[in-house]
Amino acid sequence: MSERFDVVVVGSGSSGGVLAARLSEDASRSVCLVEAGPDFPREAEVAPSFYAGGGYFGFSPVWEHDWGYASEPLPWGRVIPIPRGRLMGGSSMTNGTLCVRGAPFDFARWETLGATGWGWDAVRPCYEAVEREIPLKTYPRRGWQPAQEAFAAALEERGFRWHDEMNGPDAWHGTLGPGPFNRLDEQRQGTLPTYLRRARGRANLVLRPDTLVDRVLLRDGRAQGVRAIGRDGKPYELAAGLVVLAAGAIGTPAILLRSGIGPPAELRALGIEPVHDLPVGKRLHDHSTCAFRFEAPHLADVCSPNSSVIARDPDDSWLAVAYASAEGRECCFTFVMTDDPGLGEVTLASADPTAAPRIRLHYELDGYTPCWELALELLGDRRFAGARPAAGSLPDVLRDGITTGHHAAGTCGIGRVVAPDLRVLGLEGLAVADASIFPAHVSNNPNHTCFMIGERAAQLLGS
């Protein structure tokens, strides 16, 4: 191996970018951050076009920097695209930027599932550290769309509690308020213009873009480094005292499986020699989402397209937003199901590192019934007078409209694949730090929690 680092971090997104920046604060530690997509070293001078985006709530993929993933067909045949950012900053530079903490009770649950040391008292300071580095903003109520104002007022009448700070520790159990976004001057504030911008000039930090990691190199139960493929298409090796995979809930299990870490029968079927038996890729969690569209021309004013109000149900099994569509006649109530059982999986289609993995999503549909009933009740409210559903029955709406919330997590969960200190069980010199470590999903979108994981990982792995 021609190059050696103290730490190689694979993946520069919400967790990996934070982790690499934090670890490189120790000038005596050499860190290499490996990213499959391109870098933008002059981004502070000339902001790339993808810095703008995200919309009021919508996810705005940057297709020219996307992995091109898609799900296996759902039981009724639909294939769902699963955008993931392939660029320096990862999906933190392509997501919708809604940035809300997980709930204290989420992390109490994590601890019951074996994530010792991940309770609220441990993770709250890490969320706060993120908020000192990444700016968050909300949009004042006076600028909301008419559909959003009607939505909020109708829910308040039905007992939902208004909360000015949706990142507050008590902003749960039937609340609504302005959604916080990691944006500055309407530009995405992922890891590229924040943590990595500040760390870029350090002599001990090497950013290695356009480099696809094939596998972790193992010897005698210890990671020695990674095998990577550079922009010239030629493989080479990077040696490391510690390898940290932060390639996301889809990319990280794929690397582990190609490394021979995973279910032996599954690996042998692909011609991969099993090295270490762990349930890698299992229990994929993803919050499903579905938009209930309705015709309401008197509310379909698309002013202030970046405004957003979010609501959480009293049982915290869903969150919802309302907005007017760009067409100018329709509005939407969009529900995100946050109580996902985690029954999907990520497997390999091939040992070829350039081949997309197989992604099987599993969505429980029963949870949408009370959401549909609430949506119909709201349409009967005086504020929505004259509004009517744009589609017929709930089964029809779900068949055509259910999709990913872009919240993949859990495929290398704490207690199953990694220990609470994020080191892979039974192996030395190898750790994971991204959404794949979730032992259960959080009751919100995972954007902020992934940033938090980078901060927590730096604490756990940096000593």
Protein backbone atom coordinates (compact mmCIF):
# COMPACT_ATOMS: atom_id res chain seq x y z
CA MET A 1 0.00 0.00 0.00
CA SER A 2 1.57 3.26 -1.13
CA GLU A 3 -0.42 5.58 1.16
CA ARG A 4 -1.18 5.23 4.83
CA PHE A 5 -3.42 7.29 7.12
CA ASP A 6 -4.39 7.06 10.73
CA VAL A 7 -8.05 7.12 9.68
CA VAL A 8 -9.81 6.59 6.37
CA VAL A 9 -13.44 7.80 6.33
CA VAL A 10 -15.52 6.49 3.42
CA GLY A 11 -18.34 8.85 2.50
CA SER A 12 -18.49 12.62 2.93
CA GLY A 13 -22.18 13.11 3.65
CA SER A 14 -24.03 14.19 6.78
CA SER A 15 -22.10 11.87 9.10
CA GLY A 16 -18.82 11.25 7.28
CA GLY A 17 -18.14 14.89 6.46
CA VAL A 18 -18.72 15.89 10.09
CA LEU A 19 -16.58 13.03 11.39
CA ALA A 20 -13.61 13.67 9.09
CA ALA A 21 -13.64 17.38 9.91
CA ARG A 22 -13.76 16.73 13.64
CA LEU A 23 -11.05 14.05 13.62
CA SER A 24 -8.74 16.30 11.61
CA GLU A 25 -8.89 18.95 14.36
CA ASP A 26 -6.13 16.90 15.97
CA ALA A 27 -3.14 17.98 13.88
CA SER A 28 -1.22 14.83 14.85
CA ARG A 29 -3.86 12.58 13.23
CA SER A 30 -3.82 12.00 9.46
CA VAL A 31 -7.28 11.63 7.93
CA CYS A 32 -8.32 10.70 4.41
CA LEU A 33 -11.92 11.38 3.38
CA VAL A 34 -12.89 9.27 0.38
CA GLU A 35 -15.87 10.25 -1.78
CA ALA A 36 -17.16 8.49 -4.91
CA GLY A 37 -18.36 11.74 -6.49
CA PRO A 38 -16.68 15.00 -7.47
CA ASP A 39 -15.38 17.73 -5.20
CA PHE A 40 -16.03 21.46 -5.55
CA PRO A 41 -12.97 23.06 -3.96
CA ARG A 42 -13.96 26.59 -5.04
CA GLU A 43 -17.51 26.33 -3.75
CA ALA A 44 -16.99 29.25 -1.34
CA GLU A 45 -16.16 31.54 -4.28
CA VAL A 46 -18.53 30.12 -6.90
CA ALA A 47 -21.54 28.36 -5.38
CA PRO A 48 -22.56 25.29 -7.43
CA SER A 49 -26.09 25.35 -8.80
CA PHE A 50 -27.20 22.51 -6.54
CA TYR A 51 -26.74 24.70 -3.47
CA ALA A 52 -30.20 26.06 -4.20
CA GLY A 53 -33.00 23.56 -3.82
CA GLY A 54 -35.17 21.62 -1.48
CA GLY A 55 -38.36 23.67 -2.00
CA TYR A 56 -40.99 24.12 0.68
CA PHE A 57 -40.79 20.48 1.71
CA GLY A 58 -40.04 18.61 -1.46
CA PHE A 59 -36.93 16.58 -2.16
CA SER A 60 -35.04 18.00 -5.15
CA PRO A 61 -32.59 15.37 -6.38
CA VAL A 62 -29.47 16.53 -8.19
CA TRP A 63 -29.56 13.87 -10.86
CA GLU A 64 -26.16 14.67 -12.35
CA HIS A 65 -24.64 13.73 -8.97
CA ASP A 66 -26.84 10.77 -8.09
CA TRP A 67 -26.12 7.09 -7.51
CA GLY A 68 -29.07 5.99 -9.65
CA TYR A 69 -30.55 3.63 -7.08
CA ALA A 70 -34.06 2.19 -7.39
CA SER A 71 -36.08 -0.25 -5.34
CA GLU A 72 -37.04 -3.76 -6.24
CA PRO A 73 -40.67 -3.81 -7.44
CA LEU A 74 -43.25 -3.30 -4.71
CA PRO A 75 -45.86 -6.09 -4.37
CA TRP A 76 -48.08 -4.32 -6.92
CA GLY A 77 -45.21 -3.75 -9.37
CA ARG A 78 -44.08 -0.15 -8.83
CA VAL A 79 -40.36 0.60 -8.80
CA ILE A 80 -39.37 3.59 -6.68
CA PRO A 81 -36.30 5.73 -7.46
CA ILE A 82 -34.11 6.26 -4.39
CA PRO A 83 -31.98 9.36 -4.97
CA ARG A 84 -28.70 9.52 -3.04
CA GLY A 85 -26.03 12.18 -3.49
CA ARG A 86 -22.77 11.16 -5.13
CA LEU A 87 -20.57 14.23 -4.56
CA MET A 88 -18.50 15.83 -1.84
CA GLY A 89 -21.05 16.41 0.90
CA GLY A 90 -23.14 13.40 -0.14
CA SER A 91 -26.89 13.53 0.29
CA SER A 92 -26.54 16.49 2.66
CA MET A 93 -26.07 18.51 -0.55
CA THR A 94 -29.09 17.08 -2.38
CA ASN A 95 -31.78 16.59 0.26
CA GLY A 96 -34.79 18.71 1.21
CA THR A 97 -32.94 20.23 4.24
CA LEU A 98 -35.71 19.79 6.83
CA CYS A 99 -33.51 19.54 9.91
CA VAL A 100 -35.26 18.36 13.07
CA ARG A 101 -33.83 16.51 16.04
CA GLY A 102 -34.92 13.06 17.05
CA ALA A 103 -37.03 12.82 20.19
CA PRO A 104 -35.75 12.01 23.68
CA PHE A 105 -37.96 8.91 23.69
CA ASP A 106 -36.33 7.72 20.45
CA PHE A 107 -32.99 7.45 22.19
CA ALA A 108 -34.48 5.89 25.29
CA ARG A 109 -35.70 3.20 22.90
CA TRP A 110 -32.24 2.94 21.34
CA GLU A 111 -30.78 2.19 24.74
CA THR A 112 -33.31 -0.57 25.39
CA LEU A 113 -32.19 -2.11 22.07
CA GLY A 114 -28.55 -2.20 23.18
CA ALA A 115 -27.29 1.27 22.19
CA THR A 116 -25.79 1.96 25.61
CA GLY A 117 -24.51 5.52 25.89
CA TRP A 118 -26.90 6.85 23.23
CA GLY A 119 -29.55 8.28 25.54
CA TRP A 120 -30.80 11.85 25.32
CA ASP A 121 -28.20 13.22 27.73
CA ALA A 122 -25.46 11.91 25.42
CA VAL A 123 -26.90 12.92 22.05
CA ARG A 124 -28.37 16.33 22.95
CA PRO A 125 -24.93 18.02 23.23
CA CYS A 126 -24.07 16.55 19.81
CA TYR A 127 -27.21 18.04 18.26
CA GLU A 128 -26.25 21.36 19.85
CA ALA A 129 -22.72 21.09 18.43
CA VAL A 130 -24.21 20.63 14.95
CA GLU A 131 -26.38 23.71 15.41
CA ARG A 132 -23.30 25.78 16.23
CA GLU A 133 -21.75 24.74 12.91
CA ILE A 134 -24.75 24.53 10.57
CA PRO A 135 -27.24 27.41 10.36
CA LEU A 136 -30.93 26.57 10.74
CA LYS A 137 -33.80 28.79 9.69
CA THR A 138 -37.57 28.83 9.88
CA TYR A 139 -40.06 30.79 7.82
CA PRO A 140 -42.43 33.18 9.64
CA ARG A 141 -46.11 32.39 9.64
CA ARG A 142 -46.97 35.63 7.87
CA GLY A 143 -45.28 34.26 4.74
CA TRP A 144 -47.02 30.90 4.68
CA GLN A 145 -49.12 29.76 1.78
CA PRO A 146 -52.91 30.01 2.31
CA ALA A 147 -53.15 26.21 2.30
CA GLN A 148 -50.56 26.02 5.08
CA GLU A 149 -52.32 28.63 7.20
CA ALA A 150 -55.63 26.82 6.80
CA PHE A 151 -53.97 23.49 7.68
CA ALA A 152 -52.38 24.88 10.85
CA ALA A 153 -55.49 26.72 12.03
CA ALA A 154 -57.71 23.67 11.49
CA LEU A 155 -55.33 21.43 13.44
CA GLU A 156 -55.09 23.93 16.28
CA GLU A 157 -58.88 23.81 16.60
CA ARG A 158 -58.59 20.03 16.83
CA GLY A 159 -56.19 20.16 19.79
CA PHE A 160 -52.77 20.27 18.16
CA ARG A 161 -50.41 22.47 20.21
CA TRP A 162 -48.57 25.31 18.52
CA HIS A 163 -44.80 25.17 19.12
CA ASP A 164 -42.43 27.91 17.95
CA GLU A 165 -39.36 25.67 18.27
CA MET A 166 -39.84 22.29 16.64
CA ASN A 167 -36.36 21.27 17.78
CA GLY A 168 -37.39 21.72 21.41
CA PRO A 169 -37.24 18.59 23.60
CA ASP A 170 -41.01 18.79 24.24
CA ALA A 171 -42.13 19.48 20.65
CA TRP A 172 -43.84 16.10 20.33
CA HIS A 173 -47.19 14.37 20.87
CA GLY A 174 -49.62 16.42 18.81
CA THR A 175 -47.69 19.58 17.98
CA LEU A 176 -47.32 21.80 14.95
CA GLY A 177 -45.00 24.63 14.09
CA PRO A 178 -42.55 26.05 11.56
CA GLY A 179 -40.18 23.51 10.10
CA PRO A 180 -36.46 24.26 10.65
CA PHE A 181 -34.20 23.93 7.60
CA ASN A 182 -30.42 23.85 7.28
CA ARG A 183 -30.26 26.72 4.80
CA LEU A 184 -28.56 30.09 4.58
CA ASP A 185 -29.79 32.64 2.02
CA GLU A 186 -31.81 29.78 0.48
CA GLN A 187 -28.69 27.68 -0.07
CA ARG A 188 -28.31 24.16 1.26
CA GLN A 189 -25.99 23.96 4.24
CA GLY A 190 -24.76 20.39 4.07
CA THR A 191 -21.26 19.33 5.03
CA LEU A 192 -19.58 20.80 1.93
CA PRO A 193 -20.07 24.53 2.73
CA THR A 194 -19.85 24.08 6.52
CA TYR A 195 -17.67 21.46 8.20
CA LEU A 196 -15.60 20.63 5.12
CA ARG A 197 -15.12 24.24 4.06
CA ARG A 198 -13.59 25.02 7.44
CA ALA A 199 -11.46 21.86 7.48
CA ARG A 200 -10.29 21.88 3.87
CA GLY A 201 -6.99 23.71 4.40
CA ARG A 202 -5.64 21.41 7.10
CA ALA A 203 -2.41 19.69 6.16
CA ASN A 204 -3.46 16.47 7.90
CA LEU A 205 -6.75 16.14 5.98
CA VAL A 206 -6.75 14.67 2.47
CA LEU A 207 -9.97 14.83 0.44
CA ARG A 208 -10.06 12.06 -2.16
CA PRO A 209 -12.98 12.65 -4.57
CA ASP A 210 -14.01 10.55 -7.60
CA THR A 211 -12.88 7.46 -5.74
CA LEU A 212 -15.14 4.43 -5.41
CA VAL A 213 -14.42 2.12 -2.48
CA ASP A 214 -14.76 -1.52 -3.46
CA ARG A 215 -14.10 -3.24 -0.15
CA VAL A 216 -12.40 -3.19 3.19
CA LEU A 217 -9.11 -5.09 3.28
CA LEU A 218 -9.03 -7.55 6.17
CA ARG A 219 -6.30 -9.68 7.65
CA ASP A 220 -6.52 -11.86 10.76
CA GLY A 221 -9.70 -10.19 11.92
CA ARG A 222 -8.49 -6.63 11.49
CA ALA A 223 -9.12 -3.99 8.86
CA GLN A 224 -5.92 -2.95 7.10
CA GLY A 225 -7.39 -0.31 4.80
CA VAL A 226 -9.58 -0.17 1.71
CA ARG A 227 -9.39 -1.14 -1.92
CA ALA A 228 -10.49 1.81 -4.04
CA ILE A 229 -10.94 2.64 -7.71
CA GLY A 230 -9.71 6.07 -8.78
CA ARG A 231 -10.97 8.35 -11.52
CA ASP A 232 -8.65 6.60 -13.97
CA GLY A 233 -10.51 3.35 -13.36
CA LYS A 234 -7.51 1.63 -11.80
CA PRO A 235 -7.72 -0.02 -8.39
CA TYR A 236 -5.36 0.93 -5.59
CA GLU A 237 -5.13 0.53 -1.83
CA LEU A 238 -5.22 2.94 1.07
CA ALA A 239 -3.85 1.70 4.38
CA ALA A 240 -5.32 2.88 7.66
CA GLY A 241 -5.18 2.27 11.37
CA LEU A 242 -8.95 2.76 11.44
CA VAL A 243 -11.47 2.49 8.61
CA VAL A 244 -14.84 4.20 9.18
CA LEU A 245 -17.63 3.51 6.71
CA ALA A 246 -20.03 6.46 6.38
CA ALA A 247 -21.44 5.67 2.95
CA GLY A 248 -25.06 5.63 4.12
CA ALA A 249 -27.66 2.98 4.84
CA ILE A 250 -27.36 1.67 1.27
CA GLY A 251 -23.69 2.23 0.46
CA THR A 252 -22.19 1.03 3.74
CA PRO A 253 -23.77 -2.46 3.76
CA ALA A 254 -22.81 -2.89 0.12
CA ILE A 255 -19.14 -2.26 0.96
CA LEU A 256 -19.27 -4.62 3.94
CA LEU A 257 -20.89 -7.37 1.88
CA ARG A 258 -18.28 -7.04 -0.87
CA SER A 259 -15.67 -7.34 1.89
CA GLY A 260 -17.03 -10.74 2.93
CA ILE A 261 -18.84 -9.40 5.99
CA GLY A 262 -22.41 -10.61 5.98
CA PRO A 263 -24.62 -13.72 5.73
CA PRO A 264 -22.35 -16.52 4.39
CA ALA A 265 -24.87 -18.20 2.09
CA GLU A 266 -25.81 -14.87 0.53
CA LEU A 267 -22.14 -14.05 -0.10
CA ARG A 268 -21.21 -17.46 -1.51
CA ALA A 269 -24.07 -17.21 -4.01
CA LEU A 270 -22.27 -14.17 -5.46
CA GLY A 271 -18.84 -15.77 -5.43
CA ILE A 272 -17.67 -13.77 -2.40
CA GLU A 273 -15.72 -15.68 0.23
CA PRO A 274 -17.35 -15.13 3.64
CA VAL A 275 -15.02 -13.68 6.25
CA HIS A 276 -17.30 -12.67 9.10
CA ASP A 277 -20.96 -13.55 9.70
CA LEU A 278 -23.12 -10.55 10.61
CA PRO A 279 -26.69 -9.57 9.55
CA VAL A 280 -25.46 -6.78 7.28
CA GLY A 281 -28.14 -5.13 5.16
CA LYS A 282 -31.10 -6.47 7.12
CA ARG A 283 -33.85 -4.46 8.83
CA LEU A 284 -33.81 -1.56 6.38
CA HIS A 285 -36.00 1.19 7.82
CA ASP A 286 -37.47 3.85 5.56
CA HIS A 287 -40.28 6.25 6.33
CA SER A 288 -42.79 5.98 3.54
CA THR A 289 -44.71 9.06 2.42
CA CYS A 290 -47.81 9.76 0.39
CA ALA A 291 -49.36 13.02 -0.82
CA PHE A 292 -53.14 13.34 -0.57
CA ARG A 293 -53.96 15.84 -3.30
CA PHE A 294 -57.07 17.96 -3.40
CA GLU A 295 -58.43 20.64 -5.69
CA ALA A 296 -58.70 24.02 -3.96
CA PRO A 297 -58.00 26.87 -6.40
CA HIS A 298 -58.78 29.48 -3.71
CA LEU A 299 -55.90 28.10 -1.59
CA ALA A 300 -53.47 27.15 -4.36
CA ASP A 301 -51.37 30.28 -4.11
CA VAL A 302 -47.71 29.29 -4.49
CA CYS A 303 -46.37 32.41 -2.79
CA SER A 304 -43.36 31.86 -0.52
CA PRO A 305 -42.49 28.43 -1.96
CA ASN A 306 -39.96 27.75 0.80
CA SER A 307 -42.37 28.13 3.72
CA SER A 308 -43.30 25.08 5.73
CA VAL A 309 -45.36 24.01 8.71
CA ILE A 310 -45.03 20.52 10.10
CA ALA A 311 -47.44 18.64 12.35
CA ARG A 312 -46.90 15.53 14.46
CA ASP A 313 -49.75 13.34 15.55
CA PRO A 314 -50.39 12.68 19.26
CA ASP A 315 -48.92 9.17 19.01
CA ASP A 316 -45.90 10.32 16.95
CA SER A 317 -46.62 7.71 14.28
CA TRP A 318 -46.67 10.29 11.48
CA LEU A 319 -45.71 13.82 10.59
CA ALA A 320 -47.51 15.89 8.00
CA VAL A 321 -47.10 19.02 5.92
CA ALA A 322 -49.40 20.99 3.64
CA TYR A 323 -48.54 23.00 0.55
CA ALA A 324 -49.86 24.20 -2.78
CA SER A 325 -48.64 22.49 -5.92
CA ALA A 326 -46.79 24.37 -8.60
CA GLU A 327 -49.66 23.84 -11.04
CA GLY A 328 -51.75 26.45 -9.25
CA ARG A 329 -54.98 24.49 -8.64
CA GLU A 330 -54.09 21.58 -6.39
CA CYS A 331 -52.92 21.46 -2.79
CA CYS A 332 -51.53 18.55 -0.82
CA PHE A 333 -51.52 17.06 2.63
CA THR A 334 -48.39 14.92 2.68
CA PHE A 335 -48.06 12.33 5.44
CA VAL A 336 -44.76 10.68 6.41
CA MET A 337 -45.10 7.45 8.37
CA THR A 338 -42.48 7.57 11.14
CA ASP A 339 -43.34 4.30 12.89
CA ASP A 340 -41.69 1.92 10.44
CA PRO A 341 -41.03 -1.71 11.46
CA GLY A 342 -37.81 -2.00 9.44
CA LEU A 343 -38.50 -5.06 7.32
CA GLY A 344 -36.71 -4.09 4.12
CA GLU A 345 -33.17 -5.07 3.18
CA VAL A 346 -30.14 -4.19 1.09
CA THR A 347 -28.35 -7.00 -0.72
CA LEU A 348 -25.87 -7.23 -3.56
CA ALA A 349 -26.81 -7.90 -7.15
CA SER A 350 -23.18 -8.56 -7.99
CA ALA A 351 -19.71 -8.45 -6.49
CA ASP A 352 -18.95 -5.70 -9.00
CA PRO A 353 -18.56 -2.42 -7.03
CA THR A 354 -20.05 -0.44 -9.90
CA ALA A 355 -23.31 -2.46 -9.82
CA ALA A 356 -26.18 -0.98 -7.85
CA PRO A 357 -27.30 -3.06 -4.86
CA ARG A 358 -30.75 -4.57 -4.57
CA ILE A 359 -33.01 -2.51 -2.30
CA ARG A 360 -36.19 -4.10 -1.04
CA LEU A 361 -38.59 -1.67 0.61
CA HIS A 362 -41.37 -2.81 2.91
CA TYR A 363 -44.16 -0.40 3.73
CA GLU A 364 -47.03 -0.96 6.13
CA LEU A 365 -50.14 0.62 4.58
CA ASP A 366 -52.59 0.35 7.47
CA GLY A 367 -51.14 3.42 9.19
CA TYR A 368 -52.44 5.62 6.39
CA THR A 369 -56.09 4.96 7.23
CA PRO A 370 -56.29 7.48 10.11
CA CYS A 371 -54.28 9.96 8.00
CA TRP A 372 -56.81 9.65 5.17
CA GLU A 373 -59.67 10.10 7.62
CA LEU A 374 -58.02 13.22 9.06
CA ALA A 375 -57.44 14.60 5.55
CA LEU A 376 -61.12 14.15 4.67
CA GLU A 377 -62.12 15.75 7.97
CA LEU A 378 -59.90 18.76 7.23
CA LEU A 379 -61.40 19.12 3.77
CA GLY A 380 -64.75 19.46 5.51
CA ASP A 381 -63.46 22.39 7.56
CA ARG A 382 -64.80 25.82 6.64
CA ARG A 383 -61.28 26.95 5.68
CA PHE A 384 -61.19 24.35 2.90
CA ALA A 385 -64.70 25.08 1.67
CA GLY A 386 -65.20 23.70 -1.82
CA ALA A 387 -62.06 21.55 -1.76
CA ARG A 388 -62.39 17.99 -2.96
CA PRO A 389 -59.96 15.06 -3.25
CA ALA A 390 -58.19 14.81 -6.56
CA ALA A 391 -58.32 11.00 -6.48
CA GLY A 392 -60.86 8.42 -5.44
CA SER A 393 -60.19 5.86 -2.71
CA LEU A 394 -57.29 5.44 -0.32
CA PRO A 395 -56.11 2.18 -1.95
CA ASP A 396 -55.92 3.97 -5.31
CA VAL A 397 -53.99 6.87 -3.79
CA LEU A 398 -51.51 4.56 -2.04
CA ARG A 399 -51.00 2.32 -5.06
CA ASP A 400 -50.04 5.27 -7.25
CA GLY A 401 -48.58 7.68 -4.71
CA ILE A 402 -46.75 5.95 -1.87
CA THR A 403 -43.03 6.49 -2.14
CA THR A 404 -39.82 6.70 -0.16
CA GLY A 405 -39.35 9.43 2.41
CA HIS A 406 -35.63 9.30 1.52
CA HIS A 407 -35.01 8.20 5.12
CA ALA A 408 -33.15 4.89 4.71
CA ALA A 409 -31.58 3.68 7.97
CA GLY A 410 -30.85 0.68 10.14
CA THR A 411 -28.99 -1.75 7.86
CA CYS A 412 -25.98 -2.06 10.21
CA GLY A 413 -27.75 -1.44 13.49
CA ILE A 414 -26.12 -1.00 16.88
CA GLY A 415 -26.34 -4.30 18.71
CA ARG A 416 -26.57 -6.33 15.51
CA VAL A 417 -23.64 -5.24 13.32
CA VAL A 418 -21.83 -2.60 15.37
CA ALA A 419 -21.24 -2.09 19.09
CA PRO A 420 -22.37 1.07 20.90
CA ASP A 421 -18.93 2.55 20.21
CA LEU A 422 -19.69 2.03 16.47
CA ARG A 423 -16.95 -0.55 15.94
CA VAL A 424 -17.98 -3.56 13.88
CA LEU A 425 -18.67 -6.53 16.13
CA GLY A 426 -15.91 -9.11 16.14
CA LEU A 427 -13.45 -7.14 14.01
CA GLU A 428 -10.69 -4.67 14.83
CA GLY A 429 -9.96 -1.38 13.12
CA LEU A 430 -13.37 -1.07 11.44
CA ALA A 431 -16.32 1.14 12.39
CA VAL A 432 -19.54 2.51 10.89
CA ALA A 433 -20.91 6.03 11.36
CA ASP A 434 -24.05 6.88 9.39
CA ALA A 435 -27.80 6.20 9.36
CA SER A 436 -27.19 2.48 8.98
CA ILE A 437 -26.32 2.26 12.71
CA PHE A 438 -29.88 3.18 13.83
CA PRO A 439 -31.20 0.31 15.99
CA ALA A 440 -34.67 1.78 15.36
CA HIS A 441 -35.79 4.76 13.33
CA VAL A 442 -36.21 8.22 14.82
CA SER A 443 -39.60 9.91 14.92
CA ASN A 444 -38.62 12.47 12.33
CA ASN A 445 -36.55 12.76 9.20
CA PRO A 446 -32.95 11.60 9.88
CA ASN A 447 -31.09 14.60 8.39
CA HIS A 448 -30.19 16.24 11.71
CA THR A 449 -29.62 12.90 13.43
CA CYS A 450 -27.05 11.94 10.79
CA PHE A 451 -25.14 15.16 11.44
CA MET A 452 -25.37 14.32 15.14
CA ILE A 453 -23.95 10.84 14.51
CA GLY A 454 -20.86 12.44 12.97
CA GLU A 455 -20.34 14.47 16.14
CA ARG A 456 -20.97 11.48 18.41
CA ALA A 457 -18.71 9.26 16.33
CA ALA A 458 -15.88 11.77 16.71
CA GLN A 459 -16.27 11.50 20.47
CA LEU A 460 -16.32 7.70 20.43
CA LEU A 461 -13.63 7.06 17.81
CA GLY A 462 -11.36 10.06 18.28
CA SER A 463 -9.65 9.06 21.51
